[in-house]
Amino acid sequence: MDRRQAVDPGEFGDAFRRDPHPVYAMLRERGPVHRIRIPHADEEYETWLVVGYEEARAALADPRLAKDGTKIGVTFLDQELIGRDLLATDPPQHTRLRGLVTRAFTMRRVEQLRPRIQRITDELLDEMLSAGSAGRADLIAALAYPLPLTVICELLGVPEMDRTEFRKISSQVVAPTDPGSEREAMTRLGEYLTELIEDKRRSGFTGDLLGDLVRTTAEDGDRLSPEELRGMAFLLLIAGHETTVNLIGNGVLALLTHPDQLAALRADMSLIDGVVEETLRWEGPVENATFRYAAEPLDIGGVRVEKGEHVMIGLTAAQRDGARFPAPDRFDIRRDTRGHLAFGHGLHYCLGAPLARLEGRIALSTLLDRVPGLALDGPHDEWLPGMLMRGLRTLPVRW
């Protein structure tokens, strides 16, 4: 492949941000792997983008594609200002960190959250449906955002904080509008997490996830260092709610723009799991997995990737691959979605997948039960910037 012919998604303008699927389809027709040019900080640089399903699935589990950028001299802002987390480590360090976190973040703990998630959802919908709402709201602000934020803050043991301020910080971390705002947000979040972890350490209180992580000790006496704790808290706090915001928002948008599927669900609410899984496949919350780096030369889909080169795995692109999912652009809640890549694959499969699924099921089913006349209310085309997250800033609805 001629490396000089890198594709620049920016050439497609706002249309790419609103609907990247035609561009990814065009690329898949040409081949499963492409050189693309993307902006980062104050400059542009090139990376490989994997758009084919089979190639993406294989790449996600390929040990030759490292997550630890320091192996090739790359350090990102979150690692510099907060600390390294599971997404920036490889075995054996990743194995050690994930083992320590898994001891505290269990399936039992997630399942115990079910009644609380239901209560939070009901309270948010009570407020949305109150007499003062005039029958319309922004669903992102009213439900999709505050639900997972409240859940993850309570799970981690984060004291109630200014939600508006935290949303501003979080948004600049996952979808920065400029390099300066990203650094400022990272710095503020790092300082906050340092204080929070120290409070947990001093108090000696157990019962929340972060407090348990502070005190978790493996059989050999191993514990998380302060930097590792900060990195883990950052990952759980940001990834634990930003992605679920998009899952809920994208799911509602998909149903409201596919009335036949919405009618099928209303007729049989046992299809709710199918709605969540098809949303994850059709318009998943993460557009592209975070960077991997070639630890050695390798071949991906017939393309030679040299040692040290960046590789980005296109989750959104791979999940519309017709070779894996027939009629991939059709939103079909009865589809067999097994094997979708919304939560990744392999060693870095998302630790919070069960929690995200639980929140998505409760939010969508409760919303549709309580708001039978739900409909779109105006434009819904303001998507998050960048190529990491796939989600809406606002979703105006009426009833």
Protein backbone atom coordinates (compact mmCIF):
# COMPACT_ATOMS: atom_id res chain seq x y z
CA MET A 1 0.00 0.00 0.00
CA ASP A 2 1.27 3.48 -0.86
CA ARG A 3 1.79 5.19 2.48
CA ARG A 4 1.57 8.60 0.87
CA GLN A 5 -2.11 8.07 0.08
CA ALA A 6 -3.49 8.43 3.60
CA VAL A 7 -7.23 9.03 3.91
CA ASP A 8 -8.19 12.21 5.75
CA PRO A 9 -11.67 11.85 7.34
CA GLY A 10 -11.64 15.62 7.83
CA GLU A 11 -12.10 16.01 4.08
CA PHE A 12 -15.68 14.78 4.49
CA GLY A 13 -16.47 17.65 6.88
CA ASP A 14 -19.40 17.55 9.29
CA ALA A 15 -21.01 14.74 7.30
CA PHE A 16 -18.41 12.30 8.64
CA ARG A 17 -19.14 13.23 12.24
CA ARG A 18 -22.90 12.99 11.74
CA ASP A 19 -22.73 9.70 9.87
CA PRO A 20 -19.31 8.04 9.42
CA HIS A 21 -20.78 4.74 8.18
CA PRO A 22 -20.73 5.54 4.42
CA VAL A 23 -17.04 6.48 4.69
CA TYR A 24 -16.20 3.30 6.58
CA ALA A 25 -18.20 1.27 4.02
CA MET A 26 -16.20 2.86 1.20
CA LEU A 27 -12.96 1.97 2.96
CA ARG A 28 -14.06 -1.62 3.60
CA GLU A 29 -14.79 -2.03 -0.10
CA ARG A 30 -11.18 -1.06 -0.82
CA GLY A 31 -9.68 -3.31 1.85
CA PRO A 32 -9.71 -4.13 5.58
CA VAL A 33 -6.81 -1.84 6.61
CA HIS A 34 -6.04 1.75 5.64
CA ARG A 35 -3.62 4.54 6.39
CA ILE A 36 -5.55 7.56 7.73
CA ARG A 37 -4.64 11.05 8.88
CA ILE A 38 -6.16 12.30 12.13
CA PRO A 39 -5.72 15.44 14.23
CA HIS A 40 -4.13 15.17 17.65
CA ALA A 41 -3.29 18.11 19.94
CA ASP A 42 -1.79 20.82 17.70
CA GLU A 43 -0.83 18.58 14.80
CA GLU A 44 -1.95 15.83 12.47
CA TYR A 45 -0.41 12.40 12.26
CA GLU A 46 -1.01 9.14 10.47
CA THR A 47 -2.12 5.79 11.84
CA TRP A 48 -3.37 2.48 10.50
CA LEU A 49 -7.14 1.99 10.77
CA VAL A 50 -8.59 -1.53 10.74
CA VAL A 51 -12.13 -1.54 9.30
CA GLY A 52 -12.79 -5.23 8.50
CA TYR A 53 -14.50 -7.38 11.15
CA GLU A 54 -12.27 -10.45 11.06
CA GLU A 55 -9.12 -8.34 10.96
CA ALA A 56 -10.37 -6.14 13.83
CA ARG A 57 -11.27 -9.12 16.02
CA ALA A 58 -7.86 -10.71 15.40
CA ALA A 59 -6.02 -7.42 16.02
CA LEU A 60 -7.81 -6.84 19.34
CA ALA A 61 -6.33 -10.09 20.65
CA ASP A 62 -2.92 -9.94 18.94
CA PRO A 63 -0.11 -9.72 21.55
CA ARG A 64 2.17 -8.13 18.95
CA LEU A 65 -0.01 -5.01 19.16
CA ALA A 66 1.01 -3.48 22.48
CA LYS A 67 -1.10 -1.10 24.58
CA ASP A 68 1.88 0.25 26.51
CA GLY A 69 3.09 3.16 24.38
CA THR A 70 6.22 3.65 26.47
CA LYS A 71 7.65 0.60 24.68
CA ILE A 72 8.04 2.79 21.60
CA GLY A 73 8.52 6.11 23.42
CA VAL A 74 4.89 7.29 23.42
CA THR A 75 3.22 8.76 26.51
CA PHE A 76 -0.27 10.23 26.53
CA LEU A 77 -1.62 13.05 28.67
CA ASP A 78 -3.71 10.87 30.99
CA GLN A 79 -0.70 8.71 31.86
CA GLU A 80 1.45 11.78 32.45
CA LEU A 81 -1.03 13.65 34.68
CA ILE A 82 -3.03 10.84 36.29
CA GLY A 83 -1.36 7.46 35.98
CA ARG A 84 -1.32 4.34 33.86
CA ASP A 85 -4.40 2.13 33.77
CA LEU A 86 -5.52 -1.16 32.24
CA LEU A 87 -5.84 0.41 28.79
CA ALA A 88 -2.16 1.37 28.75
CA THR A 89 -0.56 -1.83 30.01
CA ASP A 90 0.37 -5.27 28.67
CA PRO A 91 1.03 -8.58 30.41
CA PRO A 92 2.41 -9.24 32.93
CA GLN A 93 1.54 -5.79 34.37
CA HIS A 94 -1.95 -5.87 32.85
CA THR A 95 -2.56 -9.34 34.26
CA ARG A 96 -1.56 -8.16 37.72
CA LEU A 97 -3.67 -4.97 37.63
CA ARG A 98 -6.75 -6.67 36.22
CA GLY A 99 -6.49 -9.42 38.82
CA LEU A 100 -6.44 -6.90 41.65
CA VAL A 101 -9.39 -4.93 40.22
CA THR A 102 -11.44 -8.04 39.49
CA ARG A 103 -11.21 -9.00 43.15
CA ALA A 104 -13.18 -5.85 44.01
CA PHE A 105 -15.34 -5.36 40.90
CA THR A 106 -17.30 -8.61 40.93
CA MET A 107 -20.45 -9.74 39.08
CA ARG A 108 -22.16 -10.06 42.46
CA ARG A 109 -21.41 -6.43 43.21
CA VAL A 110 -22.87 -5.35 39.86
CA GLU A 111 -26.04 -7.42 40.35
CA GLN A 112 -26.54 -5.90 43.80
CA LEU A 113 -26.80 -2.50 42.09
CA ARG A 114 -29.99 -3.47 40.22
CA PRO A 115 -32.52 -2.03 42.74
CA ARG A 116 -30.51 1.17 43.11
CA ILE A 117 -30.23 1.64 39.32
CA GLN A 118 -34.00 1.20 39.07
CA ARG A 119 -34.62 3.80 41.79
CA ILE A 120 -32.29 6.34 40.20
CA THR A 121 -33.97 5.80 36.82
CA ASP A 122 -37.43 6.28 38.33
CA GLU A 123 -36.37 9.43 40.16
CA LEU A 124 -34.86 10.94 37.01
CA LEU A 125 -37.99 10.14 34.99
CA ASP A 126 -40.19 11.59 37.76
CA GLU A 127 -38.31 14.84 37.34
CA MET A 128 -38.39 14.69 33.54
CA LEU A 129 -42.14 14.06 33.49
CA SER A 130 -42.98 16.69 36.07
CA ALA A 131 -45.61 19.29 35.25
CA GLY A 132 -42.97 21.94 34.59
CA SER A 133 -41.40 20.01 31.72
CA ALA A 134 -44.14 20.99 29.20
CA GLY A 135 -43.90 17.54 27.63
CA ARG A 136 -40.41 17.90 26.21
CA ALA A 137 -36.82 17.42 27.37
CA ASP A 138 -33.25 16.74 26.31
CA LEU A 139 -32.99 13.01 27.02
CA ILE A 140 -29.20 13.13 27.36
CA ALA A 141 -29.37 15.75 30.13
CA ALA A 142 -32.50 14.28 31.75
CA LEU A 143 -31.63 10.56 31.82
CA ALA A 144 -28.77 9.22 29.69
CA TYR A 145 -26.10 11.32 31.38
CA PRO A 146 -27.11 11.53 35.08
CA LEU A 147 -28.03 7.84 35.45
CA PRO A 148 -24.62 6.24 34.76
CA LEU A 149 -22.81 9.17 36.39
CA THR A 150 -24.76 8.72 39.63
CA VAL A 151 -24.31 4.94 39.54
CA ILE A 152 -20.53 5.02 38.99
CA CYS A 153 -20.02 7.77 41.58
CA GLU A 154 -21.98 5.78 44.17
CA LEU A 155 -20.21 2.54 43.21
CA LEU A 156 -16.77 4.10 43.54
CA GLY A 157 -17.71 6.03 46.67
CA VAL A 158 -17.33 9.50 45.17
CA PRO A 159 -19.10 12.07 47.37
CA GLU A 160 -21.87 13.99 45.64
CA MET A 161 -20.17 16.67 43.60
CA ASP A 162 -21.13 19.42 41.21
CA ARG A 163 -22.50 17.36 38.33
CA THR A 164 -22.37 20.22 35.85
CA GLU A 165 -18.71 20.82 36.65
CA PHE A 166 -17.86 17.13 36.47
CA ARG A 167 -19.62 16.80 33.12
CA LYS A 168 -17.50 19.65 31.79
CA ILE A 169 -14.29 17.96 32.98
CA SER A 170 -15.34 14.54 31.71
CA SER A 171 -16.40 15.82 28.28
CA GLN A 172 -13.07 17.55 27.76
CA VAL A 173 -11.27 14.33 28.69
CA VAL A 174 -13.08 12.04 26.22
CA ALA A 175 -13.92 14.54 23.45
CA PRO A 176 -11.63 17.58 23.89
CA THR A 177 -12.42 20.72 21.93
CA ASP A 178 -8.81 21.90 22.10
CA PRO A 179 -5.45 20.73 23.57
CA GLY A 180 -5.47 23.33 26.35
CA SER A 181 -8.87 22.30 27.69
CA GLU A 182 -7.85 18.62 27.69
CA ARG A 183 -4.74 19.30 29.77
CA GLU A 184 -6.64 21.48 32.22
CA ALA A 185 -9.36 18.86 32.64
CA MET A 186 -6.83 16.06 33.17
CA THR A 187 -4.93 18.13 35.74
CA ARG A 188 -8.07 18.94 37.72
CA LEU A 189 -9.30 15.36 37.61
CA GLY A 190 -5.90 14.04 38.71
CA GLU A 191 -5.82 16.40 41.69
CA TYR A 192 -9.36 15.45 42.67
CA LEU A 193 -8.65 11.71 42.50
CA THR A 194 -5.47 12.09 44.56
CA GLU A 195 -7.44 13.76 47.36
CA LEU A 196 -10.27 11.23 47.12
CA ILE A 197 -7.94 8.23 47.35
CA GLU A 198 -6.12 9.75 50.31
CA ASP A 199 -9.46 10.28 52.07
CA LYS A 200 -10.31 6.61 51.51
CA ARG A 201 -6.93 5.55 52.84
CA ARG A 202 -7.26 7.69 55.97
CA SER A 203 -10.86 6.79 56.75
CA GLY A 204 -10.33 3.04 56.70
CA PHE A 205 -13.96 2.66 55.56
CA THR A 206 -14.79 -0.25 53.24
CA GLY A 207 -17.98 -0.79 51.32
CA ASP A 208 -17.42 1.17 48.12
CA LEU A 209 -15.33 0.02 45.17
CA LEU A 210 -12.59 2.63 45.44
CA GLY A 211 -12.18 2.03 49.16
CA ASP A 212 -11.91 -1.69 48.49
CA LEU A 213 -9.32 -1.07 45.76
CA VAL A 214 -7.24 0.96 48.22
CA ARG A 215 -7.22 -2.01 50.57
CA THR A 216 -7.23 -4.91 48.09
CA THR A 217 -4.28 -7.23 48.66
CA ALA A 218 -3.43 -10.30 46.58
CA GLU A 219 -2.32 -13.59 48.12
CA ASP A 220 1.31 -12.57 47.72
CA GLY A 221 0.72 -9.22 49.46
CA ASP A 222 0.67 -7.22 46.22
CA ARG A 223 -1.33 -3.96 46.28
CA LEU A 224 -2.08 -1.11 43.92
CA SER A 225 0.35 1.81 44.17
CA PRO A 226 -1.02 5.38 44.56
CA GLU A 227 -0.37 6.05 40.86
CA GLU A 228 -2.08 2.80 39.86
CA LEU A 229 -5.05 3.61 42.07
CA ARG A 230 -5.39 7.02 40.48
CA GLY A 231 -5.20 5.54 36.98
CA MET A 232 -7.74 2.86 37.85
CA ALA A 233 -10.14 5.35 39.41
CA PHE A 234 -9.79 7.54 36.31
CA LEU A 235 -10.58 4.64 33.99
CA LEU A 236 -13.57 3.41 36.01
CA LEU A 237 -14.99 6.89 36.53
CA ILE A 238 -14.67 8.07 32.92
CA ALA A 239 -15.18 4.81 31.02
CA GLY A 240 -17.79 3.75 33.56
CA HIS A 241 -20.23 6.47 32.65
CA GLU A 242 -19.33 8.21 29.37
CA THR A 243 -19.78 5.02 27.35
CA THR A 244 -23.12 4.15 28.98
CA VAL A 245 -24.43 7.67 28.28
CA ASN A 246 -23.89 6.92 24.59
CA LEU A 247 -25.40 3.44 24.82
CA ILE A 248 -28.64 4.83 26.25
CA GLY A 249 -28.78 7.85 23.92
CA ASN A 250 -27.94 5.85 20.80
CA GLY A 251 -30.45 3.15 21.77
CA VAL A 252 -33.30 5.64 22.15
CA LEU A 253 -32.39 7.34 18.87
CA ALA A 254 -32.29 3.99 17.06
CA LEU A 255 -35.74 3.01 18.34
CA LEU A 256 -37.34 6.37 17.60
CA THR A 257 -36.00 6.35 14.04
CA HIS A 258 -37.11 2.74 13.46
CA PRO A 259 -40.81 2.68 14.40
CA ASP A 260 -41.23 -0.95 13.31
CA GLN A 261 -38.57 -2.05 15.79
CA LEU A 262 -40.03 0.15 18.52
CA ALA A 263 -43.49 -1.38 17.90
CA ALA A 264 -42.02 -4.88 18.08
CA LEU A 265 -40.38 -4.08 21.41
CA ARG A 266 -43.52 -2.54 22.88
CA ALA A 267 -45.42 -5.68 21.87
CA ASP A 268 -42.80 -7.93 23.50
CA MET A 269 -40.58 -6.32 26.14
CA SER A 270 -38.57 -9.55 26.40
CA LEU A 271 -36.77 -8.23 23.31
CA ILE A 272 -35.05 -5.57 25.44
CA ASP A 273 -31.79 -7.55 25.56
CA GLY A 274 -31.87 -7.64 21.77
CA VAL A 275 -32.29 -3.85 21.70
CA VAL A 276 -29.24 -3.33 23.91
CA GLU A 277 -27.05 -5.75 21.93
CA GLU A 278 -28.15 -4.46 18.52
CA THR A 279 -27.54 -0.87 19.66
CA LEU A 280 -24.05 -1.90 20.74
CA ARG A 281 -23.45 -3.38 17.28
CA TRP A 282 -25.32 -0.88 15.10
CA GLU A 283 -24.23 2.37 16.81
CA GLY A 284 -21.94 1.40 19.67
CA PRO A 285 -20.69 4.00 22.18
CA VAL A 286 -17.00 3.67 21.26
CA GLU A 287 -16.15 4.44 17.64
CA ASN A 288 -12.51 3.35 17.70
CA ALA A 289 -10.51 1.45 20.30
CA THR A 290 -7.66 3.34 21.95
CA PHE A 291 -4.30 3.06 20.20
CA ARG A 292 -2.19 -0.04 19.92
CA TYR A 293 1.47 -0.05 18.85
CA ALA A 294 3.29 -2.62 16.76
CA ALA A 295 5.85 -4.19 19.11
CA GLU A 296 7.29 -5.96 16.06
CA PRO A 297 6.59 -5.95 12.31
CA LEU A 298 3.37 -7.76 11.43
CA ASP A 299 0.80 -8.27 8.70
CA ILE A 300 -2.82 -7.17 9.19
CA GLY A 301 -5.22 -7.96 6.38
CA GLY A 302 -2.44 -8.09 3.83
CA VAL A 303 -0.90 -4.79 4.97
CA ARG A 304 2.61 -4.60 6.41
CA VAL A 305 2.72 -2.71 9.72
CA GLU A 306 6.22 -1.78 10.82
CA LYS A 307 7.50 -1.87 14.39
CA GLY A 308 6.49 1.24 16.36
CA GLU A 309 3.58 2.23 14.13
CA HIS A 310 0.20 3.19 15.61
CA VAL A 311 -2.83 1.00 14.93
CA MET A 312 -6.43 2.05 15.55
CA ILE A 313 -9.11 -0.64 15.49
CA GLY A 314 -12.42 0.61 14.11
CA LEU A 315 -15.17 -0.89 16.24
CA THR A 316 -17.92 1.10 14.52
CA ALA A 317 -16.53 0.19 11.09
CA ALA A 318 -16.05 -3.51 11.87
CA GLN A 319 -19.57 -3.95 13.20
CA ARG A 320 -21.10 -2.82 9.90
CA ASP A 321 -19.07 -5.40 7.96
CA GLY A 322 -21.59 -7.32 5.83
CA ALA A 323 -19.28 -10.33 5.71
CA ARG A 324 -20.01 -10.83 9.42
CA PHE A 325 -23.45 -9.24 9.90
CA PRO A 326 -25.84 -9.57 6.91
CA ALA A 327 -27.63 -6.32 5.95
CA PRO A 328 -25.35 -4.54 8.43
CA ASP A 329 -26.96 -1.10 8.09
CA ARG A 330 -30.37 -2.43 9.15
CA PHE A 331 -31.26 -1.97 12.83
CA ASP A 332 -32.81 -5.31 13.77
CA ILE A 333 -33.49 -6.09 17.44
CA ARG A 334 -34.01 -9.79 16.64
CA ARG A 335 -30.58 -10.10 15.00
CA ASP A 336 -28.01 -12.60 16.24
CA THR A 337 -25.39 -10.13 17.48
CA ARG A 338 -23.05 -12.67 19.03
CA GLY A 339 -19.44 -11.72 18.40
CA HIS A 340 -19.98 -7.95 18.24
CA LEU A 341 -16.94 -5.93 19.30
CA ALA A 342 -18.53 -3.04 21.21
CA PHE A 343 -16.77 -4.13 24.42
CA GLY A 344 -13.60 -5.21 22.65
CA HIS A 345 -12.17 -8.72 22.54
CA GLY A 346 -9.35 -10.59 24.21
CA LEU A 347 -7.31 -9.44 27.22
CA HIS A 348 -8.71 -5.92 27.17
CA TYR A 349 -12.39 -6.91 27.00
CA CYS A 350 -14.34 -4.27 28.92
CA LEU A 351 -14.44 -4.95 32.66
CA GLY A 352 -17.64 -2.90 32.99
CA ALA A 353 -19.67 -4.67 30.27
CA PRO A 354 -22.14 -6.30 32.72
CA LEU A 355 -22.82 -2.94 34.42
CA ALA A 356 -23.33 -1.14 31.08
CA ARG A 357 -25.76 -3.81 29.89
CA LEU A 358 -27.70 -3.68 33.15
CA GLU A 359 -28.02 0.11 33.07
CA GLY A 360 -29.00 0.05 29.39
CA ARG A 361 -31.75 -2.53 29.94
CA ILE A 362 -33.22 -0.74 32.95
CA ALA A 363 -33.05 2.75 31.40
CA LEU A 364 -34.60 1.80 28.06
CA SER A 365 -37.32 -0.48 29.38
CA THR A 366 -38.38 1.93 32.14
CA LEU A 367 -38.38 4.92 29.79
CA LEU A 368 -40.61 3.17 27.24
CA ASP A 369 -42.93 1.85 29.94
CA ARG A 370 -43.43 5.25 31.53
CA VAL A 371 -43.42 7.40 28.38
CA PRO A 372 -45.56 5.59 25.79
CA GLY A 373 -45.82 8.65 23.52
CA LEU A 374 -42.06 9.31 23.30
CA ALA A 375 -40.98 10.92 20.01
CA LEU A 376 -38.14 12.98 18.60
CA ASP A 377 -38.47 16.75 18.99
CA GLY A 378 -36.23 18.56 16.54
CA PRO A 379 -32.66 18.12 15.27
CA HIS A 380 -30.53 15.35 16.73
CA ASP A 381 -27.33 15.72 14.73
CA GLU A 382 -24.86 17.18 17.23
CA TRP A 383 -22.45 14.28 17.71
CA LEU A 384 -19.39 14.28 19.95
CA PRO A 385 -16.17 15.46 18.26
CA GLY A 386 -13.15 13.27 17.67
CA MET A 387 -12.93 9.60 16.70
CA LEU A 388 -13.05 7.95 20.12
CA MET A 389 -16.67 8.24 21.26
CA ARG A 390 -19.84 7.82 19.19
CA GLY A 391 -22.64 9.65 20.95
CA LEU A 392 -24.96 12.65 20.91
CA ARG A 393 -24.48 15.88 22.83
CA THR A 394 -28.26 16.38 22.96
CA LEU A 395 -31.35 14.32 22.11
CA PRO A 396 -34.53 16.48 22.14
CA VAL A 397 -37.68 14.40 22.81
CA ARG A 398 -41.37 15.09 23.45
CA TRP A 399 -44.34 13.10 24.68
